[in-house]
Full PDB file with SEQRES, HELIX, SHEET, SSBOND, CRYST1, ORIGX, SCALE, CONECT and MASTER records, all heavy atoms in Angstrom:
SEQRES   1 A   29  VAL GLY LEU ALA GLY ALA LEU ILE GLY ASN PRO PRO VAL          
SEQRES   2 A   29  LEU ILE LEU ASP GLU PRO THR VAL GLY LEU ASP PRO LYS          
SEQRES   3 A   29  GLN ILE ILE                                                  
HELIX    1 AA1 GLY A    2  LEU A    7  1                                   6    
HELIX    2 AA2 PRO A   25  ILE A   28  1                                   4    
CRYST1    1.000    1.000    1.000  90.00  90.00  90.00 P 1           1          
ORIGX1      1.000000  0.000000  0.000000        0.00000                         
ORIGX2      0.000000  1.000000  0.000000        0.00000                         
ORIGX3      0.000000  0.000000  1.000000        0.00000                         
SCALE1      1.000000  0.000000  0.000000        0.00000                         
SCALE2      0.000000  1.000000  0.000000        0.00000                         
SCALE3      0.000000  0.000000  1.000000        0.00000                         
ATOM      1  N   VAL A   1     105.086  81.240 160.339  1.00  0.00           N  
ATOM      2  CA  VAL A   1     104.535  80.972 159.010  1.00  0.00           C  
ATOM      3  C   VAL A   1     105.260  81.823 157.966  1.00  0.00           C  
ATOM      4  O   VAL A   1     105.608  81.348 156.880  1.00  0.00           O  
ATOM      5  CB  VAL A   1     103.014  81.242 158.967  1.00  0.00           C  
ATOM      6  CG1 VAL A   1     102.482  81.101 157.534  1.00  0.00           C  
ATOM      7  CG2 VAL A   1     102.266  80.285 159.883  1.00  0.00           C  
ATOM      8  N   GLY A   2     105.505  83.087 158.298  1.00  0.00           N  
ATOM      9  CA  GLY A   2     106.252  83.949 157.381  1.00  0.00           C  
ATOM     10  C   GLY A   2     107.647  83.424 157.127  1.00  0.00           C  
ATOM     11  O   GLY A   2     108.142  83.447 155.991  1.00  0.00           O  
ATOM     12  N   LEU A   3     108.298  82.920 158.175  1.00  0.00           N  
ATOM     13  CA  LEU A   3     109.643  82.367 158.020  1.00  0.00           C  
ATOM     14  C   LEU A   3     109.609  81.071 157.202  1.00  0.00           C  
ATOM     15  O   LEU A   3     110.481  80.829 156.365  1.00  0.00           O  
ATOM     16  CB  LEU A   3     110.257  82.116 159.390  1.00  0.00           C  
ATOM     17  CG  LEU A   3     111.723  81.699 159.440  1.00  0.00           C  
ATOM     18  CD1 LEU A   3     112.598  82.668 158.646  1.00  0.00           C  
ATOM     19  CD2 LEU A   3     112.200  81.613 160.879  1.00  0.00           C  
ATOM     20  N   ALA A   4     108.579  80.265 157.416  1.00  0.00           N  
ATOM     21  CA  ALA A   4     108.420  79.048 156.615  1.00  0.00           C  
ATOM     22  C   ALA A   4     108.261  79.398 155.142  1.00  0.00           C  
ATOM     23  O   ALA A   4     108.836  78.738 154.266  1.00  0.00           O  
ATOM     24  CB  ALA A   4     107.211  78.248 157.111  1.00  0.00           C  
ATOM     25  N   GLY A   5     107.507  80.451 154.865  1.00  0.00           N  
ATOM     26  CA  GLY A   5     107.353  80.892 153.482  1.00  0.00           C  
ATOM     27  C   GLY A   5     108.675  81.299 152.862  1.00  0.00           C  
ATOM     28  O   GLY A   5     108.939  81.020 151.685  1.00  0.00           O  
ATOM     29  N   ALA A   6     109.521  81.940 153.666  1.00  0.00           N  
ATOM     30  CA  ALA A   6     110.839  82.337 153.159  1.00  0.00           C  
ATOM     31  C   ALA A   6     111.714  81.122 152.854  1.00  0.00           C  
ATOM     32  O   ALA A   6     112.584  81.167 151.983  1.00  0.00           O  
ATOM     33  CB  ALA A   6     111.537  83.238 154.177  1.00  0.00           C  
ATOM     34  N   LEU A   7     111.475  80.014 153.557  1.00  0.00           N  
ATOM     35  CA  LEU A   7     112.285  78.812 153.386  1.00  0.00           C  
ATOM     36  C   LEU A   7     111.815  77.922 152.247  1.00  0.00           C  
ATOM     37  O   LEU A   7     112.545  76.993 151.852  1.00  0.00           O  
ATOM     38  CB  LEU A   7     112.290  77.998 154.683  1.00  0.00           C  
ATOM     39  CG  LEU A   7     113.104  78.579 155.845  1.00  0.00           C  
ATOM     40  CD1 LEU A   7     112.823  77.807 157.124  1.00  0.00           C  
ATOM     41  CD2 LEU A   7     114.581  78.548 155.523  1.00  0.00           C  
ATOM     42  N   ILE A   8     110.626  78.169 151.732  1.00  0.00           N  
ATOM     43  CA  ILE A   8     110.123  77.342 150.629  1.00  0.00           C  
ATOM     44  C   ILE A   8     111.079  77.448 149.431  1.00  0.00           C  
ATOM     45  O   ILE A   8     111.428  78.551 148.990  1.00  0.00           O  
ATOM     46  CB  ILE A   8     108.707  77.784 150.215  1.00  0.00           C  
ATOM     47  CG1 ILE A   8     107.695  77.449 151.319  1.00  0.00           C  
ATOM     48  CG2 ILE A   8     108.286  77.125 148.910  1.00  0.00           C  
ATOM     49  CD1 ILE A   8     107.493  75.972 151.554  1.00  0.00           C  
ATOM     50  N   GLY A   9     111.515  76.316 148.932  1.00  0.00           N  
ATOM     51  CA  GLY A   9     112.458  76.279 147.820  1.00  0.00           C  
ATOM     52  C   GLY A   9     113.909  76.178 148.259  1.00  0.00           C  
ATOM     53  O   GLY A   9     114.805  76.124 147.423  1.00  0.00           O  
ATOM     54  N   ASN A  10     114.155  76.164 149.587  1.00  0.00           N  
ATOM     55  CA  ASN A  10     115.525  76.086 150.126  1.00  0.00           C  
ATOM     56  C   ASN A  10     116.459  77.137 149.528  1.00  0.00           C  
ATOM     57  O   ASN A  10     117.535  76.814 149.010  1.00  0.00           O  
ATOM     58  CB  ASN A  10     116.114  74.689 149.893  1.00  0.00           C  
ATOM     59  CG  ASN A  10     115.517  73.652 150.812  1.00  0.00           C  
ATOM     60  OD1 ASN A  10     115.044  73.959 151.898  1.00  0.00           O  
ATOM     61  ND2 ASN A  10     115.531  72.399 150.364  1.00  0.00           N  
ATOM     62  N   PRO A  11     116.104  78.415 149.585  1.00  0.00           N  
ATOM     63  CA  PRO A  11     117.001  79.439 149.030  1.00  0.00           C  
ATOM     64  C   PRO A  11     118.278  79.530 149.853  1.00  0.00           C  
ATOM     65  O   PRO A  11     118.247  79.400 151.083  1.00  0.00           O  
ATOM     66  CB  PRO A  11     116.172  80.725 149.159  1.00  0.00           C  
ATOM     67  CG  PRO A  11     115.261  80.470 150.321  1.00  0.00           C  
ATOM     68  CD  PRO A  11     114.920  79.006 150.236  1.00  0.00           C  
ATOM     69  N   PRO A  12     119.412  79.779 149.208  1.00  0.00           N  
ATOM     70  CA  PRO A  12     120.684  79.854 149.948  1.00  0.00           C  
ATOM     71  C   PRO A  12     120.827  81.123 150.781  1.00  0.00           C  
ATOM     72  O   PRO A  12     121.660  81.174 151.688  1.00  0.00           O  
ATOM     73  CB  PRO A  12     121.735  79.811 148.837  1.00  0.00           C  
ATOM     74  CG  PRO A  12     121.040  80.287 147.618  1.00  0.00           C  
ATOM     75  CD  PRO A  12     119.615  79.844 147.750  1.00  0.00           C  
ATOM     76  N   VAL A  13     120.018  82.158 150.470  1.00  0.00           N  
ATOM     77  CA  VAL A  13     120.118  83.439 151.162  1.00  0.00           C  
ATOM     78  C   VAL A  13     118.794  83.741 151.856  1.00  0.00           C  
ATOM     79  O   VAL A  13     117.724  83.652 151.232  1.00  0.00           O  
ATOM     80  CB  VAL A  13     120.463  84.585 150.187  1.00  0.00           C  
ATOM     81  CG1 VAL A  13     120.468  85.932 150.917  1.00  0.00           C  
ATOM     82  CG2 VAL A  13     121.803  84.339 149.518  1.00  0.00           C  
ATOM     83  N   LEU A  14     118.846  84.100 153.119  1.00  0.00           N  
ATOM     84  CA  LEU A  14     117.663  84.506 153.871  1.00  0.00           C  
ATOM     85  C   LEU A  14     117.822  85.960 154.301  1.00  0.00           C  
ATOM     86  O   LEU A  14     118.836  86.330 154.895  1.00  0.00           O  
ATOM     87  CB  LEU A  14     117.463  83.628 155.105  1.00  0.00           C  
ATOM     88  CG  LEU A  14     117.130  82.156 154.868  1.00  0.00           C  
ATOM     89  CD1 LEU A  14     117.056  81.417 156.202  1.00  0.00           C  
ATOM     90  CD2 LEU A  14     115.819  82.014 154.100  1.00  0.00           C  
ATOM     91  N   ILE A  15     116.802  86.781 154.004  1.00  0.00           N  
ATOM     92  CA  ILE A  15     116.777  88.189 154.387  1.00  0.00           C  
ATOM     93  C   ILE A  15     115.647  88.368 155.401  1.00  0.00           C  
ATOM     94  O   ILE A  15     114.474  88.141 155.065  1.00  0.00           O  
ATOM     95  CB  ILE A  15     116.539  89.110 153.172  1.00  0.00           C  
ATOM     96  CG1 ILE A  15     117.526  88.796 152.039  1.00  0.00           C  
ATOM     97  CG2 ILE A  15     116.605  90.570 153.585  1.00  0.00           C  
ATOM     98  CD1 ILE A  15     118.944  89.117 152.342  1.00  0.00           C  
ATOM     99  N   LEU A  16     115.976  88.771 156.602  1.00  0.00           N  
ATOM    100  CA  LEU A  16     115.001  88.872 157.689  1.00  0.00           C  
ATOM    101  C   LEU A  16     114.987  90.299 158.232  1.00  0.00           C  
ATOM    102  O   LEU A  16     115.998  90.782 158.727  1.00  0.00           O  
ATOM    103  CB  LEU A  16     115.350  87.890 158.816  1.00  0.00           C  
ATOM    104  CG  LEU A  16     115.699  86.452 158.404  1.00  0.00           C  
ATOM    105  CD1 LEU A  16     116.106  85.638 159.628  1.00  0.00           C  
ATOM    106  CD2 LEU A  16     114.536  85.797 157.676  1.00  0.00           C  
ATOM    107  N   ASP A  17     113.850  90.958 158.127  1.00  0.00           N  
ATOM    108  CA  ASP A  17     113.720  92.348 158.567  1.00  0.00           C  
ATOM    109  C   ASP A  17     113.022  92.387 159.922  1.00  0.00           C  
ATOM    110  O   ASP A  17     111.824  92.100 160.020  1.00  0.00           O  
ATOM    111  CB  ASP A  17     112.927  93.147 157.522  1.00  0.00           C  
ATOM    112  CG  ASP A  17     113.001  94.648 157.766  1.00  0.00           C  
ATOM    113  OD1 ASP A  17     113.643  95.067 158.745  1.00  0.00           O  
ATOM    114  OD2 ASP A  17     112.404  95.399 156.968  1.00  0.00           O  
ATOM    115  N   GLU A  18     113.768  92.728 160.964  1.00  0.00           N  
ATOM    116  CA  GLU A  18     113.252  92.788 162.338  1.00  0.00           C  
ATOM    117  C   GLU A  18     112.454  91.516 162.657  1.00  0.00           C  
ATOM    118  O   GLU A  18     111.252  91.570 162.959  1.00  0.00           O  
ATOM    119  CB  GLU A  18     112.353  94.032 162.508  1.00  0.00           C  
ATOM    120  CG  GLU A  18     113.039  95.347 162.206  1.00  0.00           C  
ATOM    121  CD  GLU A  18     113.872  95.880 163.361  1.00  0.00           C  
ATOM    122  OE1 GLU A  18     113.941  95.210 164.415  1.00  0.00           O  
ATOM    123  OE2 GLU A  18     114.469  96.945 163.204  1.00  0.00           O  
ATOM    124  N   PRO A  19     113.068  90.338 162.638  1.00  0.00           N  
ATOM    125  CA  PRO A  19     112.324  89.084 162.717  1.00  0.00           C  
ATOM    126  C   PRO A  19     111.632  88.805 164.044  1.00  0.00           C  
ATOM    127  O   PRO A  19     110.752  87.943 164.102  1.00  0.00           O  
ATOM    128  CB  PRO A  19     113.403  88.022 162.426  1.00  0.00           C  
ATOM    129  CG  PRO A  19     114.683  88.668 162.819  1.00  0.00           C  
ATOM    130  CD  PRO A  19     114.521  90.117 162.480  1.00  0.00           C  
ATOM    131  N   THR A  20     112.005  89.494 165.118  1.00  0.00           N  
ATOM    132  CA  THR A  20     111.382  89.205 166.413  1.00  0.00           C  
ATOM    133  C   THR A  20     110.517  90.350 166.925  1.00  0.00           C  
ATOM    134  O   THR A  20     110.085  90.324 168.076  1.00  0.00           O  
ATOM    135  CB  THR A  20     112.457  88.885 167.474  1.00  0.00           C  
ATOM    136  OG1 THR A  20     113.296  90.022 167.655  1.00  0.00           O  
ATOM    137  CG2 THR A  20     113.294  87.694 167.059  1.00  0.00           C  
ATOM    138  N   VAL A  21     110.250  91.343 166.073  1.00  0.00           N  
ATOM    139  CA  VAL A  21     109.469  92.490 166.539  1.00  0.00           C  
ATOM    140  C   VAL A  21     108.071  92.035 166.955  1.00  0.00           C  
ATOM    141  O   VAL A  21     107.415  91.256 166.275  1.00  0.00           O  
ATOM    142  CB  VAL A  21     109.384  93.583 165.442  1.00  0.00           C  
ATOM    143  CG1 VAL A  21     108.581  93.106 164.234  1.00  0.00           C  
ATOM    144  CG2 VAL A  21     108.791  94.873 166.001  1.00  0.00           C  
ATOM    145  N   GLY A  22     107.628  92.493 168.121  1.00  0.00           N  
ATOM    146  CA  GLY A  22     106.286  92.192 168.598  1.00  0.00           C  
ATOM    147  C   GLY A  22     106.121  90.840 169.255  1.00  0.00           C  
ATOM    148  O   GLY A  22     105.022  90.492 169.687  1.00  0.00           O  
ATOM    149  N   LEU A  23     107.202  90.054 169.369  1.00  0.00           N  
ATOM    150  CA  LEU A  23     107.101  88.737 169.986  1.00  0.00           C  
ATOM    151  C   LEU A  23     107.327  88.826 171.488  1.00  0.00           C  
ATOM    152  O   LEU A  23     107.992  89.736 171.988  1.00  0.00           O  
ATOM    153  CB  LEU A  23     108.129  87.782 169.375  1.00  0.00           C  
ATOM    154  CG  LEU A  23     108.059  87.559 167.861  1.00  0.00           C  
ATOM    155  CD1 LEU A  23     109.078  86.506 167.449  1.00  0.00           C  
ATOM    156  CD2 LEU A  23     106.662  87.138 167.424  1.00  0.00           C  
ATOM    157  N   ASP A  24     106.754  87.862 172.229  1.00  0.00           N  
ATOM    158  CA  ASP A  24     107.016  87.833 173.667  1.00  0.00           C  
ATOM    159  C   ASP A  24     108.376  87.182 173.930  1.00  0.00           C  
ATOM    160  O   ASP A  24     108.987  86.610 173.022  1.00  0.00           O  
ATOM    161  CB  ASP A  24     105.877  87.112 174.411  1.00  0.00           C  
ATOM    162  CG  ASP A  24     105.777  85.632 174.069  1.00  0.00           C  
ATOM    163  OD1 ASP A  24     106.817  84.976 173.845  1.00  0.00           O  
ATOM    164  OD2 ASP A  24     104.641  85.109 174.028  1.00  0.00           O  
ATOM    165  N   PRO A  25     108.899  87.287 175.160  1.00  0.00           N  
ATOM    166  CA  PRO A  25     110.253  86.788 175.431  1.00  0.00           C  
ATOM    167  C   PRO A  25     110.480  85.333 175.046  1.00  0.00           C  
ATOM    168  O   PRO A  25     111.536  84.977 174.521  1.00  0.00           O  
ATOM    169  CB  PRO A  25     110.399  87.001 176.942  1.00  0.00           C  
ATOM    170  CG  PRO A  25     109.517  88.170 177.235  1.00  0.00           C  
ATOM    171  CD  PRO A  25     108.343  88.015 176.317  1.00  0.00           C  
ATOM    172  N   LYS A  26     109.505  84.460 175.311  1.00  0.00           N  
ATOM    173  CA  LYS A  26     109.657  83.044 174.960  1.00  0.00           C  
ATOM    174  C   LYS A  26     109.754  82.873 173.448  1.00  0.00           C  
ATOM    175  O   LYS A  26     110.591  82.115 172.935  1.00  0.00           O  
ATOM    176  CB  LYS A  26     108.483  82.245 175.511  1.00  0.00           C  
ATOM    177  CG  LYS A  26     108.562  80.742 175.248  1.00  0.00           C  
ATOM    178  CD  LYS A  26     107.426  80.019 175.951  1.00  0.00           C  
ATOM    179  CE  LYS A  26     107.522  78.502 175.763  1.00  0.00           C  
ATOM    180  NZ  LYS A  26     107.310  78.093 174.372  1.00  0.00           N  
ATOM    181  N   GLN A  27     108.895  83.599 172.708  1.00  0.00           N  
ATOM    182  CA  GLN A  27     108.915  83.511 171.251  1.00  0.00           C  
ATOM    183  C   GLN A  27     110.218  84.069 170.678  1.00  0.00           C  
ATOM    184  O   GLN A  27     110.742  83.555 169.685  1.00  0.00           O  
ATOM    185  CB  GLN A  27     107.714  84.266 170.680  1.00  0.00           C  
ATOM    186  CG  GLN A  27     106.377  83.625 171.012  1.00  0.00           C  
ATOM    187  CD  GLN A  27     105.203  84.542 170.735  1.00  0.00           C  
ATOM    188  OE1 GLN A  27     105.353  85.765 170.637  1.00  0.00           O  
ATOM    189  NE2 GLN A  27     104.013  83.978 170.612  1.00  0.00           N  
ATOM    190  N   ILE A  28     110.741  85.132 171.302  1.00  0.00           N  
ATOM    191  CA  ILE A  28     112.014  85.709 170.850  1.00  0.00           C  
ATOM    192  C   ILE A  28     113.139  84.700 170.985  1.00  0.00           C  
ATOM    193  O   ILE A  28     113.944  84.512 170.067  1.00  0.00           O  
ATOM    194  CB  ILE A  28     112.339  86.992 171.646  1.00  0.00           C  
ATOM    195  CG1 ILE A  28     111.378  88.128 171.244  1.00  0.00           C  
ATOM    196  CG2 ILE A  28     113.788  87.423 171.418  1.00  0.00           C  
ATOM    197  CD1 ILE A  28     111.507  89.366 172.093  1.00  0.00           C  
ATOM    198  N   ILE A  29     113.209  84.016 172.120  1.00  0.00           N  
ATOM    199  CA  ILE A  29     114.249  83.011 172.345  1.00  0.00           C  
ATOM    200  C   ILE A  29     114.136  81.892 171.319  1.00  0.00           C  
ATOM    201  O   ILE A  29     115.135  81.446 170.740  1.00  0.00           O  
ATOM    202  CB  ILE A  29     114.143  82.453 173.778  1.00  0.00           C  
ATOM    203  CG1 ILE A  29     114.536  83.532 174.793  1.00  0.00           C  
ATOM    204  CG2 ILE A  29     115.041  81.227 173.954  1.00  0.00           C  
ATOM    205  CD1 ILE A  29     114.241  83.165 176.224  1.00  0.00           C  
TER     206      ILE A  29                                                      
MASTER        0    0    0    2    0    0    0    6  205    1    0    3          
END                                                                             
């Protein structure tokens, strides 16, 4: 959901701070 929020408006630049922290292995992949 957080990543979807970042994509709203189709910005050309995406800044992701530790995007997989706290995720399980399947979610990380």
